[in-house]
Amino acid sequence: AKCIKKAELIAYEDLGAEALRKLYVEDM
């Protein structure tokens, strides 16, 4: 999680943790 610099929910919010997210990662 420390490699994840941005997180944005983009779809399927009703799925909770399984919702679709767009992440920006650095050196994952």
PDB file of all heavy atoms in Angstrom:
ATOM      1  N   ALA A   1       0.827  -1.218   0.000  1.00  0.00           N
ATOM      2  CA  ALA A   1       0.000   0.000   0.000  1.00  0.00           C
ATOM      3  C   ALA A   1       0.858   1.264   0.000  1.00  0.00           C
ATOM      4  O   ALA A   1       0.436   2.300  -0.518  1.00  0.00           O
ATOM      5  CB  ALA A   1      -0.943   0.001   1.201  1.00  0.00           C
ATOM      6  N   LYS A   2       2.056   1.182   0.534  1.00  0.00           N
ATOM      7  CA  LYS A   2       2.940   2.355   0.560  1.00  0.00           C
ATOM      8  C   LYS A   2       3.396   2.757  -0.837  1.00  0.00           C
ATOM      9  O   LYS A   2       3.824   3.884  -1.052  1.00  0.00           O
ATOM     10  CB  LYS A   2       4.149   2.094   1.464  1.00  0.00           C
ATOM     11  CG  LYS A   2       3.770   1.996   2.920  1.00  0.00           C
ATOM     12  CD  LYS A   2       4.967   1.745   3.808  1.00  0.00           C
ATOM     13  CE  LYS A   2       4.518   1.666   5.259  1.00  0.00           C
ATOM     14  NZ  LYS A   2       5.629   1.609   6.172  1.00  0.00           N
ATOM     15  N   CYS A   3       3.308   1.845  -1.792  1.00  0.00           N
ATOM     16  CA  CYS A   3       3.672   2.144  -3.182  1.00  0.00           C
ATOM     17  C   CYS A   3       2.539   2.839  -3.926  1.00  0.00           C
ATOM     18  O   CYS A   3       2.749   3.371  -5.016  1.00  0.00           O
ATOM     19  CB  CYS A   3       4.015   0.856  -3.933  1.00  0.00           C
ATOM     20  SG  CYS A   3       5.386  -0.059  -3.222  1.00  0.00           S
ATOM     21  N   ILE A   4       1.349   2.822  -3.349  1.00  0.00           N
ATOM     22  CA  ILE A   4       0.166   3.408  -3.995  1.00  0.00           C
ATOM     23  C   ILE A   4       0.085   4.876  -3.592  1.00  0.00           C
ATOM     24  O   ILE A   4      -0.126   5.204  -2.427  1.00  0.00           O
ATOM     25  CB  ILE A   4      -1.105   2.643  -3.608  1.00  0.00           C
ATOM     26  CG1 ILE A   4      -0.960   1.171  -4.052  1.00  0.00           C
ATOM     27  CG2 ILE A   4      -2.340   3.289  -4.225  1.00  0.00           C
ATOM     28  CD1 ILE A   4      -2.028   0.244  -3.488  1.00  0.00           C
ATOM     29  N   LYS A   5       0.253   5.753  -4.579  1.00  0.00           N
ATOM     30  CA  LYS A   5       0.300   7.192  -4.309  1.00  0.00           C
ATOM     31  C   LYS A   5      -1.036   7.884  -4.549  1.00  0.00           C
ATOM     32  O   LYS A   5      -1.308   8.943  -3.986  1.00  0.00           O
ATOM     33  CB  LYS A   5       1.392   7.854  -5.164  1.00  0.00           C
ATOM     34  CG  LYS A   5       2.773   7.233  -4.975  1.00  0.00           C
ATOM     35  CD  LYS A   5       3.210   7.231  -3.525  1.00  0.00           C
ATOM     36  CE  LYS A   5       4.562   6.570  -3.327  1.00  0.00           C
ATOM     37  NZ  LYS A   5       4.936   6.459  -1.930  1.00  0.00           N
ATOM     38  N   LYS A   6      -1.901   7.287  -5.385  1.00  0.00           N
ATOM     39  CA  LYS A   6      -3.235   7.829  -5.659  1.00  0.00           C
ATOM     40  C   LYS A   6      -4.186   6.660  -5.832  1.00  0.00           C
ATOM     41  O   LYS A   6      -3.811   5.634  -6.402  1.00  0.00           O
ATOM     42  CB  LYS A   6      -3.263   8.659  -6.941  1.00  0.00           C
ATOM     43  CG  LYS A   6      -2.463   9.935  -6.904  1.00  0.00           C
ATOM     44  CD  LYS A   6      -2.563  10.643  -8.256  1.00  0.00           C
ATOM     45  CE  LYS A   6      -1.580  11.797  -8.324  1.00  0.00           C
ATOM     46  NZ  LYS A   6      -1.483  12.364  -9.671  1.00  0.00           N
ATOM     47  N   ALA A   7      -5.424   6.821  -5.362  1.00  0.00           N
ATOM     48  CA  ALA A   7      -6.453   5.803  -5.532  1.00  0.00           C
ATOM     49  C   ALA A   7      -7.774   6.500  -5.824  1.00  0.00           C
ATOM     50  O   ALA A   7      -8.153   7.432  -5.113  1.00  0.00           O
ATOM     51  CB  ALA A   7      -6.572   4.943  -4.284  1.00  0.00           C
ATOM     52  N   GLU A   8      -8.440   6.038  -6.879  1.00  0.00           N
ATOM     53  CA  GLU A   8      -9.705   6.642  -7.278  1.00  0.00           C
ATOM     54  C   GLU A   8     -10.713   5.530  -7.582  1.00  0.00           C
ATOM     55  O   GLU A   8     -10.435   4.629  -8.383  1.00  0.00           O
ATOM     56  CB  GLU A   8      -9.474   7.492  -8.534  1.00  0.00           C
ATOM     57  CG  GLU A   8     -10.707   8.066  -9.153  1.00  0.00           C
ATOM     58  CD  GLU A   8     -10.431   8.719 -10.502  1.00  0.00           C
ATOM     59  OE1 GLU A   8      -9.259   8.814 -10.935  1.00  0.00           O
ATOM     60  OE2 GLU A   8     -11.412   9.116 -11.142  1.00  0.00           O
ATOM     61  N   LEU A   9     -11.871   5.599  -6.940  1.00  0.00           N
ATOM     62  CA  LEU A   9     -12.953   4.661  -7.223  1.00  0.00           C
ATOM     63  C   LEU A   9     -13.538   5.031  -8.581  1.00  0.00           C
ATOM     64  O   LEU A   9     -13.900   6.190  -8.800  1.00  0.00           O
ATOM     65  CB  LEU A   9     -14.020   4.766  -6.138  1.00  0.00           C
ATOM     66  CG  LEU A   9     -15.249   3.896  -6.307  1.00  0.00           C
ATOM     67  CD1 LEU A   9     -14.895   2.432  -6.087  1.00  0.00           C
ATOM     68  CD2 LEU A   9     -16.325   4.324  -5.334  1.00  0.00           C
ATOM     69  N   ILE A  10     -13.614   4.072  -9.520  1.00  0.00           N
ATOM     70  CA  ILE A  10     -14.140   4.421 -10.844  1.00  0.00           C
ATOM     71  C   ILE A  10     -15.425   3.681 -11.214  1.00  0.00           C
ATOM     72  O   ILE A  10     -16.141   4.126 -12.104  1.00  0.00           O
ATOM     73  CB  ILE A  10     -13.088   4.242 -11.965  1.00  0.00           C
ATOM     74  CG1 ILE A  10     -12.566   2.814 -12.049  1.00  0.00           C
ATOM     75  CG2 ILE A  10     -11.946   5.234 -11.792  1.00  0.00           C
ATOM     76  CD1 ILE A  10     -11.681   2.558 -13.261  1.00  0.00           C
ATOM     77  N   ALA A  11     -15.739   2.566 -10.550  1.00  0.00           N
ATOM     78  CA  ALA A  11     -16.974   1.854 -10.882  1.00  0.00           C
ATOM     79  C   ALA A  11     -17.264   0.764  -9.849  1.00  0.00           C
ATOM     80  O   ALA A  11     -16.383   0.344  -9.108  1.00  0.00           O
ATOM     81  CB  ALA A  11     -16.868   1.221 -12.266  1.00  0.00           C
ATOM     82  N   TYR A  12     -18.514   0.296  -9.864  1.00  0.00           N
ATOM     83  CA  TYR A  12     -18.971  -0.828  -9.053  1.00  0.00           C
ATOM     84  C   TYR A  12     -18.809  -0.585  -7.557  1.00  0.00           C
ATOM     85  O   TYR A  12     -18.426  -1.477  -6.800  1.00  0.00           O
ATOM     86  CB  TYR A  12     -18.261  -2.131  -9.456  1.00  0.00           C
ATOM     87  CG  TYR A  12     -18.220  -2.418 -10.939  1.00  0.00           C
ATOM     88  CD1 TYR A  12     -17.134  -3.078 -11.499  1.00  0.00           C
ATOM     89  CD2 TYR A  12     -19.259  -2.039 -11.803  1.00  0.00           C
ATOM     90  CE1 TYR A  12     -17.089  -3.370 -12.858  1.00  0.00           C
ATOM     91  CE2 TYR A  12     -19.216  -2.314 -13.160  1.00  0.00           C
ATOM     92  CZ  TYR A  12     -18.124  -2.983 -13.685  1.00  0.00           C
ATOM     93  OH  TYR A  12     -18.075  -3.266 -15.024  1.00  0.00           O
ATOM     94  N   GLU A  13     -19.154   0.605  -7.124  1.00  0.00           N
ATOM     95  CA  GLU A  13     -19.016   0.965  -5.713  1.00  0.00           C
ATOM     96  C   GLU A  13     -19.758  -0.011  -4.802  1.00  0.00           C
ATOM     97  O   GLU A  13     -19.339  -0.270  -3.669  1.00  0.00           O
ATOM     98  CB  GLU A  13     -19.518   2.392  -5.481  1.00  0.00           C
ATOM     99  CG  GLU A  13     -19.305   2.897  -4.083  1.00  0.00           C
ATOM    100  CD  GLU A  13     -19.658   4.365  -3.910  1.00  0.00           C
ATOM    101  OE1 GLU A  13     -20.170   4.994  -4.849  1.00  0.00           O
ATOM    102  OE2 GLU A  13     -19.421   4.873  -2.806  1.00  0.00           O
ATOM    103  N   ASP A  14     -20.858  -0.576  -5.314  1.00  0.00           N
ATOM    104  CA  ASP A  14     -21.644  -1.520  -4.509  1.00  0.00           C
ATOM    105  C   ASP A  14     -20.862  -2.782  -4.143  1.00  0.00           C
ATOM    106  O   ASP A  14     -21.265  -3.519  -3.247  1.00  0.00           O
ATOM    107  CB  ASP A  14     -22.930  -1.902  -5.251  1.00  0.00           C
ATOM    108  CG  ASP A  14     -22.660  -2.602  -6.570  1.00  0.00           C
ATOM    109  OD1 ASP A  14     -21.969  -2.013  -7.429  1.00  0.00           O
ATOM    110  OD2 ASP A  14     -23.137  -3.741  -6.746  1.00  0.00           O
ATOM    111  N   LEU A  15     -19.748  -3.026  -4.789  1.00  0.00           N
ATOM    112  CA  LEU A  15     -18.933  -4.207  -4.487  1.00  0.00           C
ATOM    113  C   LEU A  15     -17.976  -3.988  -3.316  1.00  0.00           C
ATOM    114  O   LEU A  15     -17.218  -4.891  -2.960  1.00  0.00           O
ATOM    115  CB  LEU A  15     -18.145  -4.650  -5.730  1.00  0.00           C
ATOM    116  CG  LEU A  15     -18.978  -5.107  -6.922  1.00  0.00           C
ATOM    117  CD1 LEU A  15     -18.076  -5.494  -8.086  1.00  0.00           C
ATOM    118  CD2 LEU A  15     -19.904  -6.258  -6.549  1.00  0.00           C
ATOM    119  N   GLY A  16     -18.006  -2.804  -2.739  1.00  0.00           N
ATOM    120  CA  GLY A  16     -17.156  -2.528  -1.577  1.00  0.00           C
ATOM    121  C   GLY A  16     -15.680  -2.649  -1.912  1.00  0.00           C
ATOM    122  O   GLY A  16     -15.176  -2.003  -2.826  1.00  0.00           O
ATOM    123  N   ALA A  17     -14.979  -3.516  -1.179  1.00  0.00           N
ATOM    124  CA  ALA A  17     -13.531  -3.694  -1.398  1.00  0.00           C
ATOM    125  C   ALA A  17     -13.233  -4.160  -2.816  1.00  0.00           C
ATOM    126  O   ALA A  17     -12.149  -3.919  -3.333  1.00  0.00           O
ATOM    127  CB  ALA A  17     -12.967  -4.691  -0.389  1.00  0.00           C
ATOM    128  N   GLU A  18     -14.205  -4.820  -3.459  1.00  0.00           N
ATOM    129  CA  GLU A  18     -13.985  -5.337  -4.807  1.00  0.00           C
ATOM    130  C   GLU A  18     -14.359  -4.340  -5.902  1.00  0.00           C
ATOM    131  O   GLU A  18     -14.328  -4.678  -7.090  1.00  0.00           O
ATOM    132  CB  GLU A  18     -14.748  -6.650  -5.001  1.00  0.00           C
ATOM    133  CG  GLU A  18     -14.202  -7.763  -4.145  1.00  0.00           C
ATOM    134  CD  GLU A  18     -14.667  -9.131  -4.577  1.00  0.00           C
ATOM    135  OE1 GLU A  18     -14.765  -9.377  -5.786  1.00  0.00           O
ATOM    136  OE2 GLU A  18     -14.928  -9.956  -3.689  1.00  0.00           O
ATOM    137  N   ALA A  19     -14.696  -3.120  -5.528  1.00  0.00           N
ATOM    138  CA  ALA A  19     -15.009  -2.093  -6.524  1.00  0.00           C
ATOM    139  C   ALA A  19     -13.797  -1.859  -7.426  1.00  0.00           C
ATOM    140  O   ALA A  19     -12.658  -2.149  -7.054  1.00  0.00           O
ATOM    141  CB  ALA A  19     -15.407  -0.789  -5.828  1.00  0.00           C
ATOM    142  N   LEU A  20     -14.073  -1.322  -8.592  1.00  0.00           N
ATOM    143  CA  LEU A  20     -13.001  -1.026  -9.550  1.00  0.00           C
ATOM    144  C   LEU A  20     -12.333   0.286  -9.154  1.00  0.00           C
ATOM    145  O   LEU A  20     -13.010   1.299  -8.972  1.00  0.00           O
ATOM    146  CB  LEU A  20     -13.615  -0.887 -10.944  1.00  0.00           C
ATOM    147  CG  LEU A  20     -12.832  -1.522 -12.063  1.00  0.00           C
ATOM    148  CD1 LEU A  20     -13.250  -2.970 -12.186  1.00  0.00           C
ATOM    149  CD2 LEU A  20     -13.136  -0.806 -13.337  1.00  0.00           C
ATOM    150  N   ARG A  21     -11.008   0.244  -9.039  1.00  0.00           N
ATOM    151  CA  ARG A  21     -10.245   1.440  -8.687  1.00  0.00           C
ATOM    152  C   ARG A  21      -9.134   1.669  -9.698  1.00  0.00           C
ATOM    153  O   ARG A  21      -8.599   0.728 -10.274  1.00  0.00           O
ATOM    154  CB  ARG A  21      -9.635   1.295  -7.296  1.00  0.00           C
ATOM    155  CG  ARG A  21     -10.635   1.357  -6.179  1.00  0.00           C
ATOM    156  CD  ARG A  21      -9.999   1.088  -4.812  1.00  0.00           C
ATOM    157  NE  ARG A  21     -10.963   1.293  -3.750  1.00  0.00           N
ATOM    158  CZ  ARG A  21     -11.928   0.433  -3.448  1.00  0.00           C
ATOM    159  NH1 ARG A  21     -12.056  -0.688  -4.119  1.00  0.00           N
ATOM    160  NH2 ARG A  21     -12.763   0.693  -2.468  1.00  0.00           N
ATOM    161  N   LYS A  22      -8.800   2.924  -9.849  1.00  0.00           N
ATOM    162  CA  LYS A  22      -7.644   3.328 -10.652  1.00  0.00           C
ATOM    163  C   LYS A  22      -6.586   3.764  -9.646  1.00  0.00           C
ATOM    164  O   LYS A  22      -6.836   4.642  -8.815  1.00  0.00           O
ATOM    165  CB  LYS A  22      -8.034   4.484 -11.576  1.00  0.00           C
ATOM    166  CG  LYS A  22      -6.908   5.010 -12.422  1.00  0.00           C
ATOM    167  CD  LYS A  22      -7.427   6.162 -13.300  1.00  0.00           C
ATOM    168  CE  LYS A  22      -6.335   6.768 -14.134  1.00  0.00           C
ATOM    169  NZ  LYS A  22      -6.858   7.869 -14.973  1.00  0.00           N
ATOM    170  N   LEU A  23      -5.427   3.128  -9.712  1.00  0.00           N
ATOM    171  CA  LEU A  23      -4.335   3.442  -8.793  1.00  0.00           C
ATOM    172  C   LEU A  23      -3.143   3.990  -9.553  1.00  0.00           C
ATOM    173  O   LEU A  23      -2.883   3.583 -10.685  1.00  0.00           O
ATOM    174  CB  LEU A  23      -3.875   2.184  -8.047  1.00  0.00           C
ATOM    175  CG  LEU A  23      -4.894   1.348  -7.293  1.00  0.00           C
ATOM    176  CD1 LEU A  23      -4.202   0.160  -6.632  1.00  0.00           C
ATOM    177  CD2 LEU A  23      -5.648   2.168  -6.272  1.00  0.00           C
ATOM    178  N   TYR A  24      -2.425   4.879  -8.902  1.00  0.00           N
ATOM    179  CA  TYR A  24      -1.121   5.287  -9.413  1.00  0.00           C
ATOM    180  C   TYR A  24      -0.102   4.734  -8.427  1.00  0.00           C
ATOM    181  O   TYR A  24      -0.150   5.030  -7.225  1.00  0.00           O
ATOM    182  CB  TYR A  24      -0.980   6.809  -9.539  1.00  0.00           C
ATOM    183  CG  TYR A  24       0.375   7.179 -10.104  1.00  0.00           C
ATOM    184  CD1 TYR A  24       0.606   7.095 -11.470  1.00  0.00           C
ATOM    185  CD2 TYR A  24       1.422   7.543  -9.268  1.00  0.00           C
ATOM    186  CE1 TYR A  24       1.860   7.379 -11.994  1.00  0.00           C
ATOM    187  CE2 TYR A  24       2.674   7.828  -9.786  1.00  0.00           C
ATOM    188  CZ  TYR A  24       2.886   7.749 -11.145  1.00  0.00           C
ATOM    189  OH  TYR A  24       4.130   8.025 -11.666  1.00  0.00           O
ATOM    190  N   VAL A  25       0.802   3.896  -8.937  1.00  0.00           N
ATOM    191  CA  VAL A  25       1.813   3.263  -8.082  1.00  0.00           C
ATOM    192  C   VAL A  25       3.204   3.750  -8.467  1.00  0.00           C
ATOM    193  O   VAL A  25       3.461   4.113  -9.614  1.00  0.00           O
ATOM    194  CB  VAL A  25       1.751   1.722  -8.161  1.00  0.00           C
ATOM    195  CG1 VAL A  25       0.407   1.204  -7.678  1.00  0.00           C
ATOM    196  CG2 VAL A  25       2.035   1.204  -9.564  1.00  0.00           C
ATOM    197  N   GLU A  26       4.084   3.740  -7.481  1.00  0.00           N
ATOM    198  CA  GLU A  26       5.496   4.066  -7.710  1.00  0.00           C
ATOM    199  C   GLU A  26       6.349   2.946  -7.132  1.00  0.00           C
ATOM    200  O   GLU A  26       6.227   2.602  -5.954  1.00  0.00           O
ATOM    201  CB  GLU A  26       5.868   5.397  -7.047  1.00  0.00           C
ATOM    202  CG  GLU A  26       5.271   6.600  -7.745  1.00  0.00           C
ATOM    203  CD  GLU A  26       5.650   7.919  -7.082  1.00  0.00           C
ATOM    204  OE1 GLU A  26       6.392   7.930  -6.070  1.00  0.00           O
ATOM    205  OE2 GLU A  26       5.191   8.955  -7.595  1.00  0.00           O
ATOM    206  N   ASP A  27       7.189   2.375  -7.994  1.00  0.00           N
ATOM    207  CA  ASP A  27       8.133   1.329  -7.599  1.00  0.00           C
ATOM    208  C   ASP A  27       7.473   0.186  -6.828  1.00  0.00           C
ATOM    209  O   ASP A  27       7.965  -0.266  -5.789  1.00  0.00           O
ATOM    210  CB  ASP A  27       9.294   1.921  -6.793  1.00  0.00           C
ATOM    211  CG  ASP A  27      10.178   2.812  -7.641  1.00  0.00           C
ATOM    212  OD1 ASP A  27      10.202   2.636  -8.879  1.00  0.00           O
ATOM    213  OD2 ASP A  27      10.859   3.693  -7.073  1.00  0.00           O
ATOM    214  N   MET A  28       6.363  -0.304  -7.353  1.00  0.00           N
ATOM    215  CA  MET A  28       5.672  -1.448  -6.748  1.00  0.00           C
ATOM    216  C   MET A  28       6.466  -2.712  -7.074  1.00  0.00           C
ATOM    217  O   MET A  28       6.640  -3.051  -8.241  1.00  0.00           O
ATOM    218  CB  MET A  28       4.257  -1.560  -7.288  1.00  0.00           C
ATOM    219  CG  MET A  28       3.472  -2.702  -6.709  1.00  0.00           C
ATOM    220  SD  MET A  28       1.805  -2.704  -7.417  1.00  0.00           S
ATOM    221  CE  MET A  28       1.110  -4.095  -6.546  1.00  0.00           C
TER     222      MET A  28
END
